[in-house]
Every structure is written in structure tokens, then in C-alpha cells.
Amino acid sequence: MHNKTTRIPLIMLAGLAVAFVTACSPRIATRGNAPEPEQLEQISVGESTKGDVTNILGSPSSVAAFDENVWLYISSVTETVAFFEPETVEQKVVLISFDAANRVEILSEYDLEDGKPVIPTDRVTPTAGREITILQQLFGNLGRFSEGQ
């Protein structure tokens, strides 16, 4: 059988293996308002009003910046493994547009495949003036005190 000196390293090795496996398991975070398909079936284009939509789905995640008649219900699921960047594994956007009579005009669903990646530009906006060093910033105001104060 195993004596005490071989049992301790085996227990430590088992504990280390358990810690390693649990540290590498992904953390899943769900954010936003994801309407269920049954809820979306209750909304009728041309018949349902803003009040009906609010009663069924709740308030929207966002309202379009330039049109208060466009409501967005946005949800996403991200997965983070260990110290790596989070990865979006699921995303759903429900767009509801209302007409002038506050009735549903458009009901659209979009998922992760419908999205387009946004690539930031590396251009720099030029500014007027001159660039000064840190020493010029620190000592630039020496001797510029007004006598009227």
C-alpha cells in the first residue's frame, strides 16, 4: 500500500489538477434584454402599439439617437477563459420601429452574424498651436503673474 510520504504528494497533485481545471473553465456573462420567441410572436405588425410592446417586452435597451420611434432590445453572451480577452459568443438585437400612430411598423431580428466589425482608424486630428515639452509646461508660467490680483 501507500505510505504517508507518497500519499501527501499525490493529494497535492490532485489538488493542483483540480485548481488548474477550474481556473481554465470559461466564465459566461449574459447582458441585456433578450426577448423570448414566444414574446415576439405576441407582437403584431400594424396592430400592436408602444404600450403593448412595453407590456410584453418591457422597456427597450436603447432608443435610436435620431428617431425616438425606433426601439432596440439588445442582448449578448460573452465567454472569458482565464486571462484572455472576452469573446462574444452570442448576440441578439431586436429592432422595433413605430409609425406616426405609434403602431409597430417594422419588427426585425439580428444576430451575431449580421453585425459588422468596427475597425477604429489610426488617423490623428491635427491641432493648432505648437507642441511644448514637459519642462516648458512646468516653468512656462514663472514670471507671468499679474499685479492686479
C-alpha atoms as a PDB file:
ATOM      1  CA  MET A   1       0.000   0.000   0.000  1.00  0.00           C
ATOM      2  CA  HIS A   2       0.943   3.668   0.021  1.00  0.00           C
ATOM      3  CA  ASN A   3       2.773   5.086   2.943  1.00  0.00           C
ATOM      4  CA  LYS A   4       2.359   8.593   4.309  1.00  0.00           C
ATOM      5  CA  THR A   5       5.276  10.078   2.308  1.00  0.00           C
ATOM      6  CA  THR A   6       3.788   9.112  -1.073  1.00  0.00           C
ATOM      7  CA  ARG A   7       0.207   9.968  -0.130  1.00  0.00           C
ATOM      8  CA  ILE A   8       0.896  13.693   0.525  1.00  0.00           C
ATOM      9  CA  PRO A   9       2.418  14.416  -2.921  1.00  0.00           C
ATOM     10  CA  LEU A  10      -0.488  12.555  -4.583  1.00  0.00           C
ATOM     11  CA  ILE A  11      -3.036  14.667  -2.690  1.00  0.00           C
ATOM     12  CA  MET A  12      -1.153  17.853  -3.597  1.00  0.00           C
ATOM     13  CA  LEU A  13      -1.001  16.794  -7.256  1.00  0.00           C
ATOM     14  CA  ALA A  14      -4.733  16.056  -7.280  1.00  0.00           C
ATOM     15  CA  GLY A  15      -5.464  19.446  -5.697  1.00  0.00           C
ATOM     16  CA  LEU A  16      -3.264  21.184  -8.245  1.00  0.00           C
ATOM     17  CA  ALA A  17      -5.037  19.390 -11.103  1.00  0.00           C
ATOM     18  CA  VAL A  18      -8.457  20.429  -9.759  1.00  0.00           C
ATOM     19  CA  ALA A  19      -7.299  24.054  -9.403  1.00  0.00           C
ATOM     20  CA  PHE A  20      -5.888  24.019 -12.937  1.00  0.00           C
ATOM     21  CA  VAL A  21      -9.083  22.632 -14.468  1.00  0.00           C
ATOM     22  CA  THR A  22     -11.366  25.080 -12.644  1.00  0.00           C
ATOM     23  CA  ALA A  23      -9.143  28.064 -13.485  1.00  0.00           C
ATOM     24  CA  CYS A  24      -9.413  27.297 -17.187  1.00  0.00           C
ATOM     25  CA  SER A  25     -13.163  26.843 -17.267  1.00  0.00           C
ATOM     26  CA  PRO A  26     -14.865  29.722 -19.095  1.00  0.00           C
ATOM     27  CA  ARG A  27     -16.804  32.426 -17.280  1.00  0.00           C
ATOM     28  CA  ILE A  28     -20.035  33.188 -19.101  1.00  0.00           C
ATOM     29  CA  ALA A  29     -21.707  36.593 -18.743  1.00  0.00           C
ATOM     30  CA  THR A  30     -25.170  37.383 -20.113  1.00  0.00           C
ATOM     31  CA  ARG A  31     -26.113  41.037 -20.528  1.00  0.00           C
ATOM     32  CA  GLY A  32     -29.101  42.905 -21.883  1.00  0.00           C
ATOM     33  CA  ASN A  33     -32.739  42.198 -22.577  1.00  0.00           C
ATOM     34  CA  ALA A  34     -33.257  39.086 -24.725  1.00  0.00           C
ATOM     35  CA  PRO A  35     -36.937  38.733 -25.662  1.00  0.00           C
ATOM     36  CA  GLU A  36     -38.158  35.144 -25.947  1.00  0.00           C
ATOM     37  CA  PRO A  37     -39.555  33.999 -29.332  1.00  0.00           C
ATOM     38  CA  GLU A  38     -42.984  33.481 -27.702  1.00  0.00           C
ATOM     39  CA  GLN A  39     -42.997  37.124 -26.634  1.00  0.00           C
ATOM     40  CA  LEU A  40     -42.108  38.333 -30.129  1.00  0.00           C
ATOM     41  CA  GLU A  41     -44.967  36.262 -31.584  1.00  0.00           C
ATOM     42  CA  GLN A  42     -47.398  38.299 -29.463  1.00  0.00           C
ATOM     43  CA  ILE A  43     -46.391  41.499 -31.296  1.00  0.00           C
ATOM     44  CA  SER A  44     -48.367  42.145 -34.496  1.00  0.00           C
ATOM     45  CA  VAL A  45     -47.042  44.495 -37.166  1.00  0.00           C
ATOM     46  CA  GLY A  46     -49.634  47.207 -37.842  1.00  0.00           C
ATOM     47  CA  GLU A  47     -51.673  46.387 -34.721  1.00  0.00           C
ATOM     48  CA  SER A  48     -49.503  46.446 -31.587  1.00  0.00           C
ATOM     49  CA  THR A  49     -48.810  49.823 -30.003  1.00  0.00           C
ATOM     50  CA  LYS A  50     -45.886  51.131 -27.948  1.00  0.00           C
ATOM     51  CA  GLY A  51     -47.843  50.327 -24.800  1.00  0.00           C
ATOM     52  CA  ASP A  52     -48.424  46.750 -25.965  1.00  0.00           C
ATOM     53  CA  VAL A  53     -44.724  46.301 -26.725  1.00  0.00           C
ATOM     54  CA  THR A  54     -43.736  47.715 -23.325  1.00  0.00           C
ATOM     55  CA  ASN A  55     -46.187  45.367 -21.578  1.00  0.00           C
ATOM     56  CA  ILE A  56     -44.858  42.332 -23.478  1.00  0.00           C
ATOM     57  CA  LEU A  57     -41.100  43.042 -23.658  1.00  0.00           C
ATOM     58  CA  GLY A  58     -40.503  45.726 -21.051  1.00  0.00           C
ATOM     59  CA  SER A  59     -38.590  48.921 -21.750  1.00  0.00           C
ATOM     60  CA  PRO A  60     -36.076  48.863 -24.599  1.00  0.00           C
ATOM     61  CA  SER A  61     -32.328  48.566 -24.079  1.00  0.00           C
ATOM     62  CA  SER A  62     -31.882  51.613 -26.265  1.00  0.00           C
ATOM     63  CA  VAL A  63     -33.831  54.140 -28.313  1.00  0.00           C
ATOM     64  CA  ALA A  64     -32.334  55.343 -31.596  1.00  0.00           C
ATOM     65  CA  ALA A  65     -30.466  58.628 -31.228  1.00  0.00           C
ATOM     66  CA  PHE A  66     -32.232  60.437 -34.045  1.00  0.00           C
ATOM     67  CA  ASP A  67     -35.632  58.724 -34.015  1.00  0.00           C
ATOM     68  CA  GLU A  68     -37.492  58.032 -30.779  1.00  0.00           C
ATOM     69  CA  ASN A  69     -39.799  55.684 -32.699  1.00  0.00           C
ATOM     70  CA  VAL A  70     -37.037  53.080 -33.161  1.00  0.00           C
ATOM     71  CA  TRP A  71     -36.568  50.815 -30.158  1.00  0.00           C
ATOM     72  CA  LEU A  72     -33.740  48.320 -29.743  1.00  0.00           C
ATOM     73  CA  TYR A  73     -33.682  45.284 -27.461  1.00  0.00           C
ATOM     74  CA  ILE A  74     -30.040  44.198 -27.245  1.00  0.00           C
ATOM     75  CA  SER A  75     -28.538  41.156 -25.530  1.00  0.00           C
ATOM     76  CA  SER A  76     -25.155  39.439 -25.640  1.00  0.00           C
ATOM     77  CA  VAL A  77     -23.385  36.449 -24.132  1.00  0.00           C
ATOM     78  CA  THR A  78     -19.621  36.691 -23.611  1.00  0.00           C
ATOM     79  CA  GLU A  79     -17.205  33.974 -22.616  1.00  0.00           C
ATOM     80  CA  THR A  80     -13.910  34.623 -20.835  1.00  0.00           C
ATOM     81  CA  VAL A  81     -11.292  31.920 -20.396  1.00  0.00           C
ATOM     82  CA  ALA A  82      -8.568  32.567 -17.804  1.00  0.00           C
ATOM     83  CA  PHE A  83      -6.795  35.844 -18.579  1.00  0.00           C
ATOM     84  CA  PHE A  84      -7.733  36.078 -22.277  1.00  0.00           C
ATOM     85  CA  GLU A  85      -9.939  38.797 -23.764  1.00  0.00           C
ATOM     86  CA  PRO A  86     -13.683  38.133 -23.521  1.00  0.00           C
ATOM     87  CA  GLU A  87     -15.215  36.712 -26.689  1.00  0.00           C
ATOM     88  CA  THR A  88     -18.801  37.411 -27.738  1.00  0.00           C
ATOM     89  CA  VAL A  89     -20.370  34.037 -28.484  1.00  0.00           C
ATOM     90  CA  GLU A  90     -23.975  35.150 -28.957  1.00  0.00           C
ATOM     91  CA  GLN A  91     -25.605  38.482 -29.729  1.00  0.00           C
ATOM     92  CA  LYS A  92     -29.193  39.338 -30.499  1.00  0.00           C
ATOM     93  CA  VAL A  93     -30.749  42.654 -31.465  1.00  0.00           C
ATOM     94  CA  VAL A  94     -34.499  43.116 -31.893  1.00  0.00           C
ATOM     95  CA  LEU A  95     -35.421  46.319 -33.733  1.00  0.00           C
ATOM     96  CA  ILE A  96     -38.960  47.641 -33.453  1.00  0.00           C
ATOM     97  CA  SER A  97     -39.959  50.711 -35.436  1.00  0.00           C
ATOM     98  CA  PHE A  98     -43.220  52.554 -34.854  1.00  0.00           C
ATOM     99  CA  ASP A  99     -45.230  54.677 -37.311  1.00  0.00           C
ATOM    100  CA  ALA A 100     -46.779  58.094 -36.628  1.00  0.00           C
ATOM    101  CA  ALA A 101     -49.778  56.428 -34.927  1.00  0.00           C
ATOM    102  CA  ASN A 102     -47.411  54.598 -32.508  1.00  0.00           C
ATOM    103  CA  ARG A 103     -48.168  51.216 -34.079  1.00  0.00           C
ATOM    104  CA  VAL A 104     -45.458  48.657 -34.891  1.00  0.00           C
ATOM    105  CA  GLU A 105     -44.253  49.255 -38.441  1.00  0.00           C
ATOM    106  CA  ILE A 106     -41.119  47.060 -38.526  1.00  0.00           C
ATOM    107  CA  LEU A 107     -40.110  44.104 -36.361  1.00  0.00           C
ATOM    108  CA  SER A 108     -36.636  42.768 -37.214  1.00  0.00           C
ATOM    109  CA  GLU A 109     -34.215  40.388 -35.500  1.00  0.00           C
ATOM    110  CA  TYR A 110     -30.456  40.412 -35.973  1.00  0.00           C
ATOM    111  CA  ASP A 111     -27.790  38.109 -34.554  1.00  0.00           C
ATOM    112  CA  LEU A 112     -24.002  37.985 -34.312  1.00  0.00           C
ATOM    113  CA  GLU A 113     -23.562  37.045 -37.984  1.00  0.00           C
ATOM    114  CA  ASP A 114     -25.485  40.156 -39.087  1.00  0.00           C
ATOM    115  CA  GLY A 115     -23.106  42.504 -37.281  1.00  0.00           C
ATOM    116  CA  LYS A 116     -20.167  44.188 -38.948  1.00  0.00           C
ATOM    117  CA  PRO A 117     -16.871  44.721 -37.145  1.00  0.00           C
ATOM    118  CA  VAL A 118     -15.928  48.306 -36.427  1.00  0.00           C
ATOM    119  CA  ILE A 119     -12.267  48.980 -37.096  1.00  0.00           C
ATOM    120  CA  PRO A 120     -11.021  52.190 -35.487  1.00  0.00           C
ATOM    121  CA  THR A 121      -8.946  54.471 -37.654  1.00  0.00           C
ATOM    122  CA  ASP A 122      -5.380  55.382 -36.796  1.00  0.00           C
ATOM    123  CA  ARG A 123      -5.641  58.886 -38.230  1.00  0.00           C
ATOM    124  CA  VAL A 124      -4.838  61.778 -35.905  1.00  0.00           C
ATOM    125  CA  THR A 125      -6.669  65.087 -35.928  1.00  0.00           C
ATOM    126  CA  PRO A 126      -4.151  67.926 -36.189  1.00  0.00           C
ATOM    127  CA  THR A 127      -4.430  70.661 -33.603  1.00  0.00           C
ATOM    128  CA  ALA A 128      -3.491  74.292 -33.852  1.00  0.00           C
ATOM    129  CA  GLY A 129      -0.598  75.652 -31.840  1.00  0.00           C
ATOM    130  CA  ARG A 130       2.807  74.340 -31.039  1.00  0.00           C
ATOM    131  CA  GLU A 131       3.948  71.351 -29.081  1.00  0.00           C
ATOM    132  CA  ILE A 132       5.780  72.100 -25.863  1.00  0.00           C
ATOM    133  CA  THR A 133       7.874  69.896 -23.642  1.00  0.00           C
ATOM    134  CA  ILE A 134       7.049  68.946 -20.081  1.00  0.00           C
ATOM    135  CA  LEU A 135       9.643  71.416 -18.751  1.00  0.00           C
ATOM    136  CA  GLN A 136       8.114  74.238 -20.795  1.00  0.00           C
ATOM    137  CA  GLN A 137       4.717  73.332 -19.322  1.00  0.00           C
ATOM    138  CA  LEU A 138       6.069  73.295 -15.762  1.00  0.00           C
ATOM    139  CA  PHE A 139       8.105  76.509 -15.936  1.00  0.00           C
ATOM    140  CA  GLY A 140       6.152  78.377 -18.620  1.00  0.00           C
ATOM    141  CA  ASN A 141       4.114  80.460 -16.191  1.00  0.00           C
ATOM    142  CA  LEU A 142       7.006  81.613 -13.995  1.00  0.00           C
ATOM    143  CA  GLY A 143       7.126  85.384 -14.006  1.00  0.00           C
ATOM    144  CA  ARG A 144       3.649  85.732 -15.591  1.00  0.00           C
ATOM    145  CA  PHE A 145       1.834  86.938 -12.506  1.00  0.00           C
ATOM    146  CA  SER A 146      -0.470  89.901 -12.864  1.00  0.00           C
ATOM    147  CA  GLU A 147      -0.078  92.782 -10.451  1.00  0.00           C
ATOM    148  CA  GLY A 148      -3.793  93.491 -10.212  1.00  0.00           C
ATOM    149  CA  GLN A 149      -4.613  90.457  -8.067  1.00  0.00           C
END
